[in-house]
């Protein structure tokens, strides 16, 4: 199960509608961009993915801007938060997940 919610966040190009979803077990966060595509995923079990938007992927051919493939803890969560802010202007709350 996933708890649903949408947040308005200040982005590089003004106000962006971004959906942030946290799995009910508190182990995974999904961030969906304005076009509905996943631009970020953080999983305590599987690592993190920070992706370009679909439009950027089509123009550059580059999908991943910050990905790992192993268990992730608090340090990786901070890296994920930083990369989401840097690449998408999305500011995620530090306490969104508990460690």
N, C-alpha and C. Protein backbone atom coordinates (compact mmCIF):
# COMPACT_ATOMS: atom_id res chain seq x y z
N UNK A 1 0.83 -1.18 0.00
CA UNK A 1 0.00 0.00 0.00
C UNK A 1 0.88 1.25 0.00
N UNK A 2 0.36 2.28 -0.60
CA UNK A 2 1.08 3.55 -0.67
C UNK A 2 0.14 4.64 -0.17
N UNK A 3 0.65 5.51 0.67
CA UNK A 3 -0.16 6.66 1.07
C UNK A 3 0.01 7.72 -0.01
N UNK A 4 -1.09 8.31 -0.40
CA UNK A 4 -1.05 9.26 -1.50
C UNK A 4 -1.03 10.68 -1.00
N UNK A 5 -0.41 11.54 -1.79
CA UNK A 5 -0.42 12.96 -1.47
C UNK A 5 0.28 13.73 -2.55
N UNK A 6 -0.06 14.95 -2.69
CA UNK A 6 0.59 15.83 -3.65
C UNK A 6 1.07 17.07 -2.91
N UNK A 7 2.20 17.54 -3.31
CA UNK A 7 2.76 18.74 -2.70
C UNK A 7 3.07 19.73 -3.80
N UNK A 8 2.78 21.00 -3.55
CA UNK A 8 3.26 22.06 -4.42
C UNK A 8 4.65 22.42 -3.92
N UNK A 9 5.60 22.39 -4.80
CA UNK A 9 6.95 22.74 -4.38
C UNK A 9 7.49 23.79 -5.32
N UNK A 10 8.36 24.63 -4.80
CA UNK A 10 9.00 25.64 -5.64
C UNK A 10 10.05 24.96 -6.47
N UNK A 11 9.95 25.11 -7.77
CA UNK A 11 10.91 24.51 -8.67
C UNK A 11 11.72 25.57 -9.37
N UNK A 12 12.66 25.14 -10.18
CA UNK A 12 13.53 26.07 -10.89
C UNK A 12 12.76 26.94 -11.86
N UNK A 13 11.63 26.43 -12.36
CA UNK A 13 10.86 27.18 -13.34
C UNK A 13 9.55 27.69 -12.72
N UNK A 14 9.56 27.98 -11.44
CA UNK A 14 8.36 28.46 -10.78
C UNK A 14 7.71 27.36 -9.98
N UNK A 15 6.38 27.41 -9.83
CA UNK A 15 5.66 26.42 -9.05
C UNK A 15 5.43 25.16 -9.89
N UNK A 16 5.82 24.02 -9.33
CA UNK A 16 5.62 22.74 -10.00
C UNK A 16 4.71 21.87 -9.15
N UNK A 17 3.84 21.13 -9.78
CA UNK A 17 3.01 20.16 -9.07
C UNK A 17 3.79 18.86 -9.05
N UNK A 18 4.17 18.42 -7.87
CA UNK A 18 4.94 17.21 -7.71
C UNK A 18 4.21 16.31 -6.72
N UNK A 19 4.10 15.04 -7.06
CA UNK A 19 3.45 14.08 -6.17
C UNK A 19 4.53 13.31 -5.42
N UNK A 20 4.41 13.28 -4.10
CA UNK A 20 5.32 12.53 -3.25
C UNK A 20 4.51 11.43 -2.59
N UNK A 21 4.93 10.18 -2.78
CA UNK A 21 4.21 9.05 -2.22
C UNK A 21 5.16 8.26 -1.33
N UNK A 22 4.68 7.92 -0.15
CA UNK A 22 5.47 7.14 0.79
C UNK A 22 4.76 5.80 0.98
N UNK A 23 5.51 4.70 0.81
CA UNK A 23 4.94 3.38 1.02
C UNK A 23 4.49 3.25 2.47
N UNK A 24 3.43 2.51 2.69
CA UNK A 24 2.85 2.37 4.02
C UNK A 24 3.86 1.79 5.01
N UNK A 25 4.77 0.95 4.55
CA UNK A 25 5.76 0.37 5.46
C UNK A 25 6.91 1.34 5.76
N UNK A 26 6.89 2.51 5.13
CA UNK A 26 7.88 3.54 5.40
C UNK A 26 9.26 3.26 4.84
N UNK A 27 9.37 2.36 3.88
CA UNK A 27 10.68 2.00 3.34
C UNK A 27 10.97 2.59 1.96
N UNK A 28 9.97 3.15 1.30
CA UNK A 28 10.16 3.65 -0.06
C UNK A 28 9.41 4.96 -0.26
N UNK A 29 10.06 5.89 -0.95
CA UNK A 29 9.45 7.16 -1.35
C UNK A 29 9.53 7.27 -2.86
N UNK A 30 8.42 7.63 -3.49
CA UNK A 30 8.36 7.89 -4.93
C UNK A 30 8.09 9.38 -5.12
N UNK A 31 8.77 9.99 -6.09
CA UNK A 31 8.51 11.39 -6.45
C UNK A 31 8.16 11.40 -7.93
N UNK A 32 6.94 11.85 -8.23
CA UNK A 32 6.46 11.93 -9.60
C UNK A 32 6.42 13.38 -10.03
N UNK A 33 6.96 13.65 -11.21
CA UNK A 33 7.06 15.00 -11.73
C UNK A 33 5.75 15.52 -12.30
N UNK A 34 5.78 16.74 -12.80
CA UNK A 34 4.59 17.39 -13.34
C UNK A 34 3.93 16.63 -14.49
N UNK A 35 4.72 15.84 -15.23
CA UNK A 35 4.16 15.07 -16.34
C UNK A 35 3.68 13.69 -15.90
N UNK A 36 3.77 13.40 -14.59
CA UNK A 36 3.32 12.12 -14.06
C UNK A 36 4.40 11.06 -14.01
N UNK A 37 5.53 11.31 -14.66
CA UNK A 37 6.61 10.34 -14.68
C UNK A 37 7.42 10.36 -13.39
N UNK A 38 7.95 9.20 -13.03
CA UNK A 38 8.77 9.11 -11.83
C UNK A 38 10.11 9.81 -12.06
N UNK A 39 10.40 10.79 -11.21
CA UNK A 39 11.69 11.47 -11.30
C UNK A 39 12.59 11.09 -10.13
N UNK A 40 12.03 10.34 -9.17
CA UNK A 40 12.85 9.90 -8.06
C UNK A 40 12.22 8.75 -7.30
N UNK A 41 13.08 7.87 -6.80
CA UNK A 41 12.64 6.78 -5.93
C UNK A 41 13.75 6.54 -4.92
N UNK A 42 13.38 6.47 -3.65
CA UNK A 42 14.33 6.11 -2.61
C UNK A 42 13.79 4.88 -1.91
N UNK A 43 14.61 3.85 -1.82
CA UNK A 43 14.22 2.62 -1.15
C UNK A 43 15.31 2.23 -0.16
N UNK A 44 14.91 1.96 1.07
CA UNK A 44 15.87 1.52 2.07
C UNK A 44 16.51 0.19 1.67
N UNK A 45 15.78 -0.61 0.91
CA UNK A 45 16.27 -1.93 0.51
C UNK A 45 17.05 -1.91 -0.81
N UNK A 46 16.60 -1.11 -1.79
CA UNK A 46 17.16 -1.18 -3.14
C UNK A 46 17.96 0.04 -3.58
N UNK A 47 18.06 1.08 -2.76
CA UNK A 47 18.85 2.25 -3.13
C UNK A 47 18.00 3.39 -3.66
N UNK A 48 18.62 4.23 -4.48
CA UNK A 48 17.91 5.41 -4.97
C UNK A 48 18.07 5.57 -6.47
N UNK A 49 17.07 6.21 -7.05
CA UNK A 49 17.08 6.58 -8.46
C UNK A 49 16.64 8.04 -8.55
N UNK A 50 17.45 8.86 -9.14
CA UNK A 50 17.06 10.23 -9.47
C UNK A 50 17.17 10.32 -10.98
N UNK A 51 16.04 10.54 -11.64
CA UNK A 51 15.98 10.52 -13.10
C UNK A 51 15.69 11.90 -13.68
N UNK A 52 16.10 12.08 -14.91
CA UNK A 52 15.70 13.25 -15.69
C UNK A 52 14.20 13.13 -15.96
N UNK A 53 13.56 14.24 -16.29
CA UNK A 53 12.15 14.18 -16.69
C UNK A 53 12.06 13.48 -18.04
N UNK A 54 10.85 13.06 -18.40
CA UNK A 54 10.66 12.38 -19.68
C UNK A 54 11.11 13.26 -20.85
N UNK A 55 10.79 14.54 -20.80
CA UNK A 55 11.18 15.47 -21.87
C UNK A 55 12.70 15.54 -21.97
N UNK A 56 13.38 15.66 -20.83
CA UNK A 56 14.84 15.71 -20.82
C UNK A 56 15.45 14.41 -21.34
N UNK A 57 14.82 13.28 -20.98
CA UNK A 57 15.32 11.99 -21.46
C UNK A 57 15.23 11.89 -22.98
N UNK A 58 14.14 12.38 -23.54
CA UNK A 58 13.98 12.32 -24.99
C UNK A 58 14.98 13.21 -25.71
N UNK A 59 15.29 14.36 -25.14
CA UNK A 59 16.21 15.27 -25.83
C UNK A 59 17.67 14.91 -25.61
N UNK A 60 18.00 14.36 -24.43
CA UNK A 60 19.41 14.07 -24.14
C UNK A 60 19.77 12.60 -24.24
N UNK A 61 18.78 11.73 -24.15
CA UNK A 61 19.05 10.30 -24.14
C UNK A 61 19.58 9.82 -22.79
N UNK A 62 19.60 10.70 -21.81
CA UNK A 62 20.14 10.38 -20.48
C UNK A 62 18.99 10.26 -19.49
N UNK A 63 18.94 9.13 -18.80
CA UNK A 63 17.87 8.91 -17.83
C UNK A 63 18.33 9.17 -16.41
N UNK A 64 19.37 8.50 -15.98
CA UNK A 64 19.79 8.53 -14.59
C UNK A 64 20.74 9.69 -14.30
N UNK A 65 20.42 10.46 -13.27
CA UNK A 65 21.33 11.52 -12.83
C UNK A 65 21.89 11.24 -11.44
N UNK A 66 21.47 10.13 -10.85
CA UNK A 66 21.98 9.72 -9.55
C UNK A 66 21.32 8.44 -9.09
N UNK A 67 21.95 7.30 -9.33
CA UNK A 67 21.34 6.02 -9.00
C UNK A 67 22.32 5.13 -8.23
N UNK A 68 21.77 4.36 -7.29
CA UNK A 68 22.53 3.35 -6.57
C UNK A 68 21.69 2.07 -6.58
N UNK A 69 22.31 0.96 -6.24
CA UNK A 69 21.58 -0.31 -6.32
C UNK A 69 21.88 -1.21 -5.13
N UNK A 70 21.83 -0.65 -3.94
CA UNK A 70 22.06 -1.42 -2.73
C UNK A 70 21.28 -0.82 -1.58
N UNK A 71 21.31 -1.46 -0.43
CA UNK A 71 20.60 -0.91 0.73
C UNK A 71 21.02 0.53 1.00
N UNK A 72 20.07 1.33 1.46
CA UNK A 72 20.31 2.76 1.68
C UNK A 72 19.87 3.16 3.08
N UNK A 73 20.67 4.02 3.70
CA UNK A 73 20.37 4.50 5.05
C UNK A 73 20.24 6.01 5.08
N UNK A 74 20.47 6.56 6.25
CA UNK A 74 20.31 8.00 6.46
C UNK A 74 21.23 8.84 5.57
N UNK A 75 22.47 8.41 5.41
CA UNK A 75 23.42 9.16 4.59
C UNK A 75 22.94 9.22 3.13
N UNK A 76 22.48 8.09 2.61
CA UNK A 76 21.98 8.04 1.23
C UNK A 76 20.69 8.86 1.10
N UNK A 77 19.86 8.87 2.15
CA UNK A 77 18.64 9.68 2.14
C UNK A 77 18.98 11.16 1.97
N UNK A 78 20.03 11.60 2.66
CA UNK A 78 20.45 13.00 2.54
C UNK A 78 20.98 13.28 1.13
N UNK A 79 21.70 12.34 0.54
CA UNK A 79 22.18 12.49 -0.83
C UNK A 79 20.99 12.59 -1.78
N UNK A 80 20.00 11.70 -1.60
CA UNK A 80 18.79 11.71 -2.43
C UNK A 80 18.08 13.05 -2.33
N UNK A 81 17.87 13.53 -1.11
CA UNK A 81 17.21 14.82 -0.91
C UNK A 81 17.96 15.93 -1.62
N UNK A 82 19.29 15.91 -1.51
CA UNK A 82 20.13 16.93 -2.15
C UNK A 82 20.02 16.87 -3.67
N UNK A 83 20.05 15.66 -4.23
CA UNK A 83 19.97 15.51 -5.69
C UNK A 83 18.58 15.90 -6.22
N UNK A 84 17.52 15.61 -5.47
CA UNK A 84 16.18 16.01 -5.90
C UNK A 84 16.06 17.53 -5.92
N UNK A 85 16.69 18.20 -4.96
CA UNK A 85 16.68 19.65 -4.94
C UNK A 85 17.53 20.21 -6.08
N UNK A 86 18.71 19.65 -6.25
CA UNK A 86 19.64 20.12 -7.30
C UNK A 86 19.08 19.95 -8.70
N UNK A 87 18.54 18.78 -8.99
CA UNK A 87 18.12 18.47 -10.37
C UNK A 87 16.67 18.85 -10.68
N UNK A 88 15.81 18.91 -9.66
CA UNK A 88 14.39 19.15 -9.93
C UNK A 88 13.78 20.27 -9.10
N UNK A 89 14.56 20.86 -8.20
CA UNK A 89 14.02 21.91 -7.35
C UNK A 89 13.01 21.39 -6.35
N UNK A 90 13.05 20.09 -6.05
CA UNK A 90 12.10 19.47 -5.13
C UNK A 90 12.75 19.36 -3.75
N UNK A 91 12.11 19.98 -2.79
CA UNK A 91 12.61 19.98 -1.41
C UNK A 91 11.80 18.95 -0.61
N UNK A 92 12.44 17.85 -0.25
CA UNK A 92 11.79 16.79 0.52
C UNK A 92 12.10 16.97 2.01
N UNK A 93 11.10 16.73 2.84
CA UNK A 93 11.27 16.85 4.28
C UNK A 93 12.22 15.77 4.79
N UNK A 94 13.12 16.16 5.67
CA UNK A 94 14.10 15.22 6.23
C UNK A 94 13.39 14.07 6.96
N UNK A 95 12.29 14.38 7.65
CA UNK A 95 11.61 13.37 8.46
C UNK A 95 10.52 12.60 7.71
N UNK A 96 10.55 12.64 6.41
CA UNK A 96 9.59 11.90 5.60
C UNK A 96 9.73 10.40 5.85
N UNK A 97 10.97 9.95 6.10
CA UNK A 97 11.25 8.57 6.45
C UNK A 97 11.89 8.52 7.82
N UNK A 98 11.70 7.41 8.51
CA UNK A 98 12.36 7.19 9.81
C UNK A 98 13.41 6.11 9.66
N UNK A 99 14.54 6.34 10.34
CA UNK A 99 15.63 5.35 10.29
C UNK A 99 15.90 4.81 11.67
